[in-house]
PDB file of all heavy atoms in Angstrom:
ATOM      1  N   ARG A   1       0.811  -1.216   0.000  1.00  0.00           N
ATOM      2  CA  ARG A   1       0.000   0.000   0.000  1.00  0.00           C
ATOM      3  C   ARG A   1       0.848   1.270   0.000  1.00  0.00           C
ATOM      4  O   ARG A   1       0.389   2.333  -0.412  1.00  0.00           O
ATOM      5  CB  ARG A   1      -0.935   0.016   1.212  1.00  0.00           C
ATOM      6  CG  ARG A   1      -0.212  -0.030   2.533  1.00  0.00           C
ATOM      7  CD  ARG A   1      -1.151   0.122   3.724  1.00  0.00           C
ATOM      8  NE  ARG A   1      -0.488  -0.249   4.960  1.00  0.00           N
ATOM      9  CZ  ARG A   1       0.372   0.513   5.618  1.00  0.00           C
ATOM     10  NH1 ARG A   1       0.686   1.713   5.147  1.00  0.00           N
ATOM     11  NH2 ARG A   1       0.930   0.108   6.742  1.00  0.00           N
ATOM     12  N   ASN A   2       2.104   1.169   0.486  1.00  0.00           N
ATOM     13  CA  ASN A   2       2.911   2.376   0.693  1.00  0.00           C
ATOM     14  C   ASN A   2       4.303   2.278   0.070  1.00  0.00           C
ATOM     15  O   ASN A   2       5.200   3.012   0.453  1.00  0.00           O
ATOM     16  CB  ASN A   2       3.038   2.666   2.192  1.00  0.00           C
ATOM     17  CG  ASN A   2       3.588   1.481   2.968  1.00  0.00           C
ATOM     18  OD1 ASN A   2       3.896   0.442   2.385  1.00  0.00           O
ATOM     19  ND2 ASN A   2       3.711   1.629   4.273  1.00  0.00           N
ATOM     20  N   ALA A   3       4.479   1.393  -0.900  1.00  0.00           N
ATOM     21  CA  ALA A   3       5.780   1.243  -1.563  1.00  0.00           C
ATOM     22  C   ALA A   3       5.572   0.922  -3.028  1.00  0.00           C
ATOM     23  O   ALA A   3       4.486   0.515  -3.447  1.00  0.00           O
ATOM     24  CB  ALA A   3       6.607   0.153  -0.890  1.00  0.00           C
ATOM     25  N   MET A   4       6.648   1.098  -3.799  1.00  0.00           N
ATOM     26  CA  MET A   4       6.589   0.763  -5.220  1.00  0.00           C
ATOM     27  C   MET A   4       7.926   0.168  -5.648  1.00  0.00           C
ATOM     28  O   MET A   4       8.974   0.427  -5.037  1.00  0.00           O
ATOM     29  CB  MET A   4       6.293   2.004  -6.063  1.00  0.00           C
ATOM     30  CG  MET A   4       7.403   3.049  -6.034  1.00  0.00           C
ATOM     31  SD  MET A   4       7.059   4.488  -7.070  1.00  0.00           S
ATOM     32  CE  MET A   4       7.054   3.753  -8.698  1.00  0.00           C
ATOM     33  N   LEU A   5       7.873  -0.639  -6.697  1.00  0.00           N
ATOM     34  CA  LEU A   5       9.089  -1.225  -7.251  1.00  0.00           C
ATOM     35  C   LEU A   5       9.714  -0.189  -8.180  1.00  0.00           C
ATOM     36  O   LEU A   5       9.366  -0.087  -9.358  1.00  0.00           O
ATOM     37  CB  LEU A   5       8.765  -2.520  -8.003  1.00  0.00           C
ATOM     38  CG  LEU A   5       9.973  -3.282  -8.550  1.00  0.00           C
ATOM     39  CD1 LEU A   5      10.930  -3.697  -7.449  1.00  0.00           C
ATOM     40  CD2 LEU A   5       9.521  -4.514  -9.344  1.00  0.00           C
ATOM     41  N   TRP A   6      10.632   0.591  -7.635  1.00  0.00           N
ATOM     42  CA  TRP A   6      11.273   1.650  -8.398  1.00  0.00           C
ATOM     43  C   TRP A   6      12.362   1.097  -9.319  1.00  0.00           C
ATOM     44  O   TRP A   6      12.488   1.531 -10.470  1.00  0.00           O
ATOM     45  CB  TRP A   6      11.868   2.681  -7.450  1.00  0.00           C
ATOM     46  CG  TRP A   6      12.544   3.834  -8.140  1.00  0.00           C
ATOM     47  CD1 TRP A   6      13.882   4.046  -8.289  1.00  0.00           C
ATOM     48  CD2 TRP A   6      11.891   4.922  -8.782  1.00  0.00           C
ATOM     49  NE1 TRP A   6      14.114   5.204  -8.980  1.00  0.00           N
ATOM     50  CE2 TRP A   6      12.906   5.768  -9.301  1.00  0.00           C
ATOM     51  CE3 TRP A   6      10.544   5.283  -8.968  1.00  0.00           C
ATOM     52  CZ2 TRP A   6      12.616   6.930  -9.988  1.00  0.00           C
ATOM     53  CZ3 TRP A   6      10.263   6.454  -9.670  1.00  0.00           C
ATOM     54  CH2 TRP A   6      11.288   7.250 -10.172  1.00  0.00           C
ATOM     55  N   ALA A   7      13.150   0.135  -8.809  1.00  0.00           N
ATOM     56  CA  ALA A   7      14.282  -0.359  -9.594  1.00  0.00           C
ATOM     57  C   ALA A   7      14.601  -1.803  -9.228  1.00  0.00           C
ATOM     58  O   ALA A   7      14.289  -2.277  -8.129  1.00  0.00           O
ATOM     59  CB  ALA A   7      15.515   0.514  -9.355  1.00  0.00           C
ATOM     60  N   ILE A   8      15.222  -2.494 -10.161  1.00  0.00           N
ATOM     61  CA  ILE A   8      15.793  -3.812  -9.886  1.00  0.00           C
ATOM     62  C   ILE A   8      17.237  -3.807 -10.386  1.00  0.00           C
ATOM     63  O   ILE A   8      17.591  -3.051 -11.302  1.00  0.00           O
ATOM     64  CB  ILE A   8      15.001  -4.968 -10.535  1.00  0.00           C
ATOM     65  CG1 ILE A   8      15.026  -4.868 -12.069  1.00  0.00           C
ATOM     66  CG2 ILE A   8      13.575  -4.997 -10.018  1.00  0.00           C
ATOM     67  CD1 ILE A   8      14.388  -6.071 -12.751  1.00  0.00           C
ATOM     68  N   CYS A   9      18.054  -4.664  -9.765  1.00  0.00           N
ATOM     69  CA  CYS A   9      19.467  -4.698 -10.112  1.00  0.00           C
ATOM     70  C   CYS A   9      19.972  -6.126 -10.086  1.00  0.00           C
ATOM     71  O   CYS A   9      19.745  -6.858  -9.107  1.00  0.00           O
ATOM     72  CB  CYS A   9      20.264  -3.840  -9.118  1.00  0.00           C
ATOM     73  SG  CYS A   9      22.046  -3.807  -9.441  1.00  0.00           S
ATOM     74  N   ASP A  10      20.641  -6.525 -11.154  1.00  0.00           N
ATOM     75  CA  ASP A  10      21.280  -7.832 -11.202  1.00  0.00           C
ATOM     76  C   ASP A  10      22.322  -7.816 -12.315  1.00  0.00           C
ATOM     77  O   ASP A  10      22.100  -7.184 -13.359  1.00  0.00           O
ATOM     78  CB  ASP A  10      20.254  -8.950 -11.452  1.00  0.00           C
ATOM     79  CG  ASP A  10      20.777 -10.319 -11.035  1.00  0.00           C
ATOM     80  OD1 ASP A  10      21.713 -10.833 -11.696  1.00  0.00           O
ATOM     81  OD2 ASP A  10      20.274 -10.874 -10.046  1.00  0.00           O
ATOM     82  N   VAL A  11      23.455  -8.491 -12.070  1.00  0.00           N
ATOM     83  CA  VAL A  11      24.513  -8.521 -13.078  1.00  0.00           C
ATOM     84  C   VAL A  11      24.150  -9.400 -14.276  1.00  0.00           C
ATOM     85  O   VAL A  11      24.724  -9.252 -15.351  1.00  0.00           O
ATOM     86  CB  VAL A  11      25.845  -9.017 -12.474  1.00  0.00           C
ATOM     87  CG1 VAL A  11      26.346  -8.048 -11.410  1.00  0.00           C
ATOM     88  CG2 VAL A  11      25.706 -10.433 -11.905  1.00  0.00           C
ATOM     89  N   ALA A  12      23.192 -10.323 -14.081  1.00  0.00           N
ATOM     90  CA  ALA A  12      22.791 -11.226 -15.165  1.00  0.00           C
ATOM     91  C   ALA A  12      21.768 -10.516 -16.057  1.00  0.00           C
ATOM     92  O   ALA A  12      20.611 -10.355 -15.676  1.00  0.00           O
ATOM     93  CB  ALA A  12      22.210 -12.509 -14.592  1.00  0.00           C
ATOM     94  N   ASP A  13      22.213 -10.091 -17.226  1.00  0.00           N
ATOM     95  CA  ASP A  13      21.339  -9.304 -18.103  1.00  0.00           C
ATOM     96  C   ASP A  13      20.062 -10.047 -18.480  1.00  0.00           C
ATOM     97  O   ASP A  13      18.965  -9.464 -18.476  1.00  0.00           O
ATOM     98  CB  ASP A  13      22.089  -8.917 -19.378  1.00  0.00           C
ATOM     99  CG  ASP A  13      23.249  -7.963 -19.122  1.00  0.00           C
ATOM    100  OD1 ASP A  13      23.230  -7.288 -18.073  1.00  0.00           O
ATOM    101  OD2 ASP A  13      24.176  -7.907 -19.963  1.00  0.00           O
ATOM    102  N   ASP A  14      20.194 -11.335 -18.814  1.00  0.00           N
ATOM    103  CA  ASP A  14      19.020 -12.089 -19.268  1.00  0.00           C
ATOM    104  C   ASP A  14      17.978 -12.199 -18.156  1.00  0.00           C
ATOM    105  O   ASP A  14      16.776 -12.009 -18.378  1.00  0.00           O
ATOM    106  CB  ASP A  14      19.420 -13.470 -19.780  1.00  0.00           C
ATOM    107  CG  ASP A  14      20.249 -14.272 -18.777  1.00  0.00           C
ATOM    108  OD1 ASP A  14      20.763 -13.692 -17.790  1.00  0.00           O
ATOM    109  OD2 ASP A  14      20.395 -15.500 -18.982  1.00  0.00           O
ATOM    110  N   LEU A  15      18.430 -12.470 -16.936  1.00  0.00           N
ATOM    111  CA  LEU A  15      17.519 -12.622 -15.803  1.00  0.00           C
ATOM    112  C   LEU A  15      16.869 -11.278 -15.449  1.00  0.00           C
ATOM    113  O   LEU A  15      15.649 -11.185 -15.251  1.00  0.00           O
ATOM    114  CB  LEU A  15      18.293 -13.173 -14.603  1.00  0.00           C
ATOM    115  CG  LEU A  15      17.508 -13.383 -13.314  1.00  0.00           C
ATOM    116  CD1 LEU A  15      16.357 -14.353 -13.528  1.00  0.00           C
ATOM    117  CD2 LEU A  15      18.435 -13.906 -12.217  1.00  0.00           C
ATOM    118  N   ARG A  16      17.688 -10.234 -15.389  1.00  0.00           N
ATOM    119  CA  ARG A  16      17.169  -8.916 -15.021  1.00  0.00           C
ATOM    120  C   ARG A  16      16.138  -8.424 -16.032  1.00  0.00           C
ATOM    121  O   ARG A  16      15.075  -7.906 -15.658  1.00  0.00           O
ATOM    122  CB  ARG A  16      18.330  -7.924 -14.923  1.00  0.00           C
ATOM    123  CG  ARG A  16      17.914  -6.538 -14.434  1.00  0.00           C
ATOM    124  CD  ARG A  16      19.040  -5.534 -14.560  1.00  0.00           C
ATOM    125  NE  ARG A  16      19.398  -5.252 -15.949  1.00  0.00           N
ATOM    126  CZ  ARG A  16      20.481  -5.724 -16.555  1.00  0.00           C
ATOM    127  NH1 ARG A  16      21.352  -6.487 -15.916  1.00  0.00           N
ATOM    128  NH2 ARG A  16      20.714  -5.431 -17.833  1.00  0.00           N
ATOM    129  N   GLU A  17      16.435  -8.603 -17.301  1.00  0.00           N
ATOM    130  CA  GLU A  17      15.517  -8.109 -18.321  1.00  0.00           C
ATOM    131  C   GLU A  17      14.195  -8.873 -18.306  1.00  0.00           C
ATOM    132  O   GLU A  17      13.122  -8.293 -18.519  1.00  0.00           O
ATOM    133  CB  GLU A  17      16.189  -8.186 -19.695  1.00  0.00           C
ATOM    134  CG  GLU A  17      17.288  -7.122 -19.850  1.00  0.00           C
ATOM    135  CD  GLU A  17      18.155  -7.345 -21.075  1.00  0.00           C
ATOM    136  OE1 GLU A  17      17.858  -8.282 -21.855  1.00  0.00           O
ATOM    137  OE2 GLU A  17      19.133  -6.585 -21.262  1.00  0.00           O
ATOM    138  N   ARG A  18      14.279 -10.156 -18.010  1.00  0.00           N
ATOM    139  CA  ARG A  18      13.035 -10.934 -17.927  1.00  0.00           C
ATOM    140  C   ARG A  18      12.207 -10.499 -16.721  1.00  0.00           C
ATOM    141  O   ARG A  18      10.981 -10.372 -16.818  1.00  0.00           O
ATOM    142  CB  ARG A  18      13.360 -12.424 -17.850  1.00  0.00           C
ATOM    143  CG  ARG A  18      12.126 -13.299 -17.841  1.00  0.00           C
ATOM    144  CD  ARG A  18      12.452 -14.732 -18.176  1.00  0.00           C
ATOM    145  NE  ARG A  18      11.292 -15.583 -18.035  1.00  0.00           N
ATOM    146  CZ  ARG A  18      11.300 -16.900 -18.273  1.00  0.00           C
ATOM    147  NH1 ARG A  18      12.421 -17.477 -18.689  1.00  0.00           N
ATOM    148  NH2 ARG A  18      10.211 -17.616 -18.112  1.00  0.00           N
ATOM    149  N   MET A  19      12.872 -10.246 -15.612  1.00  0.00           N
ATOM    150  CA  MET A  19      12.144  -9.786 -14.421  1.00  0.00           C
ATOM    151  C   MET A  19      11.584  -8.385 -14.624  1.00  0.00           C
ATOM    152  O   MET A  19      10.488  -8.071 -14.149  1.00  0.00           O
ATOM    153  CB  MET A  19      13.075  -9.809 -13.207  1.00  0.00           C
ATOM    154  CG  MET A  19      13.454 -11.200 -12.729  1.00  0.00           C
ATOM    155  SD  MET A  19      12.032 -12.231 -12.288  1.00  0.00           S
ATOM    156  CE  MET A  19      11.995 -13.381 -13.690  1.00  0.00           C
ATOM    157  N   ALA A  20      12.311  -7.544 -15.342  1.00  0.00           N
ATOM    158  CA  ALA A  20      11.817  -6.202 -15.632  1.00  0.00           C
ATOM    159  C   ALA A  20      10.568  -6.272 -16.509  1.00  0.00           C
ATOM    160  O   ALA A  20       9.603  -5.524 -16.301  1.00  0.00           O
ATOM    161  CB  ALA A  20      12.903  -5.375 -16.305  1.00  0.00           C
ATOM    162  N   ALA A  21      10.581  -7.172 -17.476  1.00  0.00           N
ATOM    163  CA  ALA A  21       9.410  -7.331 -18.345  1.00  0.00           C
ATOM    164  C   ALA A  21       8.205  -7.835 -17.565  1.00  0.00           C
ATOM    165  O   ALA A  21       7.058  -7.465 -17.848  1.00  0.00           O
ATOM    166  CB  ALA A  21       9.748  -8.295 -19.482  1.00  0.00           C
ATOM    167  N   THR A  22       8.458  -8.655 -16.558  1.00  0.00           N
ATOM    168  CA  THR A  22       7.370  -9.242 -15.772  1.00  0.00           C
ATOM    169  C   THR A  22       6.823  -8.267 -14.732  1.00  0.00           C
ATOM    170  O   THR A  22       5.604  -8.134 -14.573  1.00  0.00           O
ATOM    171  CB  THR A  22       7.852 -10.526 -15.060  1.00  0.00           C
ATOM    172  OG1 THR A  22       8.302 -11.461 -16.047  1.00  0.00           O
ATOM    173  CG2 THR A  22       6.732 -11.148 -14.241  1.00  0.00           C
ATOM    174  N   HIS A  23       7.719  -7.559 -14.026  1.00  0.00           N
ATOM    175  CA  HIS A  23       7.295  -6.780 -12.858  1.00  0.00           C
ATOM    176  C   HIS A  23       7.287  -5.269 -13.083  1.00  0.00           C
ATOM    177  O   HIS A  23       6.827  -4.535 -12.209  1.00  0.00           O
ATOM    178  CB  HIS A  23       8.177  -7.134 -11.656  1.00  0.00           C
ATOM    179  CG  HIS A  23       8.093  -8.589 -11.288  1.00  0.00           C
ATOM    180  ND1 HIS A  23       7.000  -9.132 -10.656  1.00  0.00           N
ATOM    181  CD2 HIS A  23       8.965  -9.621 -11.494  1.00  0.00           C
ATOM    182  CE1 HIS A  23       7.194 -10.419 -10.469  1.00  0.00           C
ATOM    183  NE2 HIS A  23       8.378 -10.751 -10.971  1.00  0.00           N
ATOM    184  N   ALA A  24       7.805  -4.822 -14.191  1.00  0.00           N
ATOM    185  CA  ALA A  24       7.701  -3.421 -14.634  1.00  0.00           C
ATOM    186  C   ALA A  24       8.210  -2.395 -13.628  1.00  0.00           C
ATOM    187  O   ALA A  24       7.486  -1.462 -13.253  1.00  0.00           O
ATOM    188  CB  ALA A  24       6.252  -3.107 -15.014  1.00  0.00           C
ATOM    189  N   PRO A  25       9.475  -2.502 -13.197  1.00  0.00           N
ATOM    190  CA  PRO A  25      10.037  -1.432 -12.376  1.00  0.00           C
ATOM    191  C   PRO A  25      10.220  -0.176 -13.231  1.00  0.00           C
ATOM    192  O   PRO A  25      10.230  -0.247 -14.466  1.00  0.00           O
ATOM    193  CB  PRO A  25      11.396  -1.997 -11.943  1.00  0.00           C
ATOM    194  CG  PRO A  25      11.777  -2.907 -13.074  1.00  0.00           C
ATOM    195  CD  PRO A  25      10.482  -3.531 -13.528  1.00  0.00           C
ATOM    196  N   GLU A  26      10.383   0.957 -12.555  1.00  0.00           N
ATOM    197  CA  GLU A  26      10.643   2.189 -13.295  1.00  0.00           C
ATOM    198  C   GLU A  26      12.014   2.151 -13.968  1.00  0.00           C
ATOM    199  O   GLU A  26      12.200   2.700 -15.054  1.00  0.00           O
ATOM    200  CB  GLU A  26      10.584   3.388 -12.345  1.00  0.00           C
ATOM    201  CG  GLU A  26       9.207   3.636 -11.742  1.00  0.00           C
ATOM    202  CD  GLU A  26       8.186   4.022 -12.783  1.00  0.00           C
ATOM    203  OE1 GLU A  26       8.535   4.796 -13.697  1.00  0.00           O
ATOM    204  OE2 GLU A  26       7.033   3.541 -12.692  1.00  0.00           O
ATOM    205  N   LYS A  27      12.980   1.496 -13.313  1.00  0.00           N
ATOM    206  CA  LYS A  27      14.341   1.454 -13.836  1.00  0.00           C
ATOM    207  C   LYS A  27      14.946   0.081 -13.589  1.00  0.00           C
ATOM    208  O   LYS A  27      14.524  -0.648 -12.690  1.00  0.00           O
ATOM    209  CB  LYS A  27      15.215   2.525 -13.158  1.00  0.00           C
ATOM    210  CG  LYS A  27      14.720   3.952 -13.326  1.00  0.00           C
ATOM    211  CD  LYS A  27      15.621   4.949 -12.592  1.00  0.00           C
ATOM    212  CE  LYS A  27      15.104   6.366 -12.755  1.00  0.00           C
ATOM    213  NZ  LYS A  27      15.984   7.361 -12.087  1.00  0.00           N
ATOM    214  N   GLN A  28      15.979  -0.254 -14.363  1.00  0.00           N
ATOM    215  CA  GLN A  28      16.756  -1.467 -14.111  1.00  0.00           C
ATOM    216  C   GLN A  28      18.230  -1.144 -14.258  1.00  0.00           C
ATOM    217  O   GLN A  28      18.621  -0.293 -15.049  1.00  0.00           O
ATOM    218  CB  GLN A  28      16.349  -2.600 -15.044  1.00  0.00           C
ATOM    219  CG  GLN A  28      16.468  -2.301 -16.524  1.00  0.00           C
ATOM    220  CD  GLN A  28      16.365  -3.556 -17.370  1.00  0.00           C
ATOM    221  OE1 GLN A  28      17.161  -4.479 -17.228  1.00  0.00           O
ATOM    222  NE2 GLN A  28      15.370  -3.580 -18.268  1.00  0.00           N
ATOM    223  N   PHE A  29      19.036  -1.852 -13.449  1.00  0.00           N
ATOM    224  CA  PHE A  29      20.471  -1.592 -13.407  1.00  0.00           C
ATOM    225  C   PHE A  29      21.250  -2.904 -13.407  1.00  0.00           C
ATOM    226  O   PHE A  29      20.861  -3.871 -12.748  1.00  0.00           O
ATOM    227  CB  PHE A  29      20.843  -0.816 -12.129  1.00  0.00           C
ATOM    228  CG  PHE A  29      20.236   0.552 -12.037  1.00  0.00           C
ATOM    229  CD1 PHE A  29      19.005   0.734 -11.421  1.00  0.00           C
ATOM    230  CD2 PHE A  29      20.896   1.657 -12.558  1.00  0.00           C
ATOM    231  CE1 PHE A  29      18.434   1.990 -11.317  1.00  0.00           C
ATOM    232  CE2 PHE A  29      20.336   2.932 -12.456  1.00  0.00           C
ATOM    233  CZ  PHE A  29      19.110   3.089 -11.833  1.00  0.00           C
ATOM    234  N   ALA A  30      22.370  -2.892 -14.138  1.00  0.00           N
ATOM    235  CA  ALA A  30      23.306  -4.011 -14.075  1.00  0.00           C
ATOM    236  C   ALA A  30      24.370  -3.768 -13.019  1.00  0.00           C
ATOM    237  O   ALA A  30      25.049  -4.707 -12.593  1.00  0.00           O
ATOM    238  CB  ALA A  30      23.967  -4.224 -15.436  1.00  0.00           C
ATOM    239  N   ASP A  31      24.504  -2.520 -12.587  1.00  0.00           N
ATOM    240  CA  ASP A  31      25.553  -2.132 -11.634  1.00  0.00           C
ATOM    241  C   ASP A  31      24.904  -1.592 -10.358  1.00  0.00           C
ATOM    242  O   ASP A  31      24.091  -0.657 -10.408  1.00  0.00           O
ATOM    243  CB  ASP A  31      26.452  -1.063 -12.258  1.00  0.00           C
ATOM    244  CG  ASP A  31      27.563  -0.627 -11.315  1.00  0.00           C
ATOM    245  OD1 ASP A  31      28.540  -1.372 -11.170  1.00  0.00           O
ATOM    246  OD2 ASP A  31      27.418   0.466 -10.716  1.00  0.00           O
ATOM    247  N   TYR A  32      25.264  -2.165  -9.223  1.00  0.00           N
ATOM    248  CA  TYR A  32      24.677  -1.787  -7.936  1.00  0.00           C
ATOM    249  C   TYR A  32      24.972  -0.330  -7.586  1.00  0.00           C
ATOM    250  O   TYR A  32      24.088   0.410  -7.139  1.00  0.00           O
ATOM    251  CB  TYR A  32      25.202  -2.732  -6.861  1.00  0.00           C
ATOM    252  CG  TYR A  32      24.577  -2.570  -5.489  1.00  0.00           C
ATOM    253  CD1 TYR A  32      23.217  -2.312  -5.330  1.00  0.00           C
ATOM    254  CD2 TYR A  32      25.354  -2.715  -4.343  1.00  0.00           C
ATOM    255  CE1 TYR A  32      22.649  -2.186  -4.068  1.00  0.00           C
ATOM    256  CE2 TYR A  32      24.794  -2.595  -3.073  1.00  0.00           C
ATOM    257  CZ  TYR A  32      23.437  -2.330  -2.939  1.00  0.00           C
ATOM    258  OH  TYR A  32      22.891  -2.210  -1.687  1.00  0.00           O
ATOM    259  N   ASP A  33      26.210   0.087  -7.793  1.00  0.00           N
ATOM    260  CA  ASP A  33      26.564   1.476  -7.468  1.00  0.00           C
ATOM    261  C   ASP A  33      25.773   2.466  -8.314  1.00  0.00           C
ATOM    262  O   ASP A  33      25.428   3.556  -7.845  1.00  0.00           O
ATOM    263  CB  ASP A  33      28.067   1.700  -7.648  1.00  0.00           C
ATOM    264  CG  ASP A  33      28.883   0.999  -6.576  1.00  0.00           C
ATOM    265  OD1 ASP A  33      28.420   0.971  -5.414  1.00  0.00           O
ATOM    266  OD2 ASP A  33      29.959   0.466  -6.892  1.00  0.00           O
TER     267      ASP A  33
END
């Protein structure tokens, strides 16, 4: 009720992109920093 998925981060491009397509964060990152 009080949070949103703003970003996801993972070094594995294939996994991150699939999760981004599924869960629709505002942003995705391969680099934590």
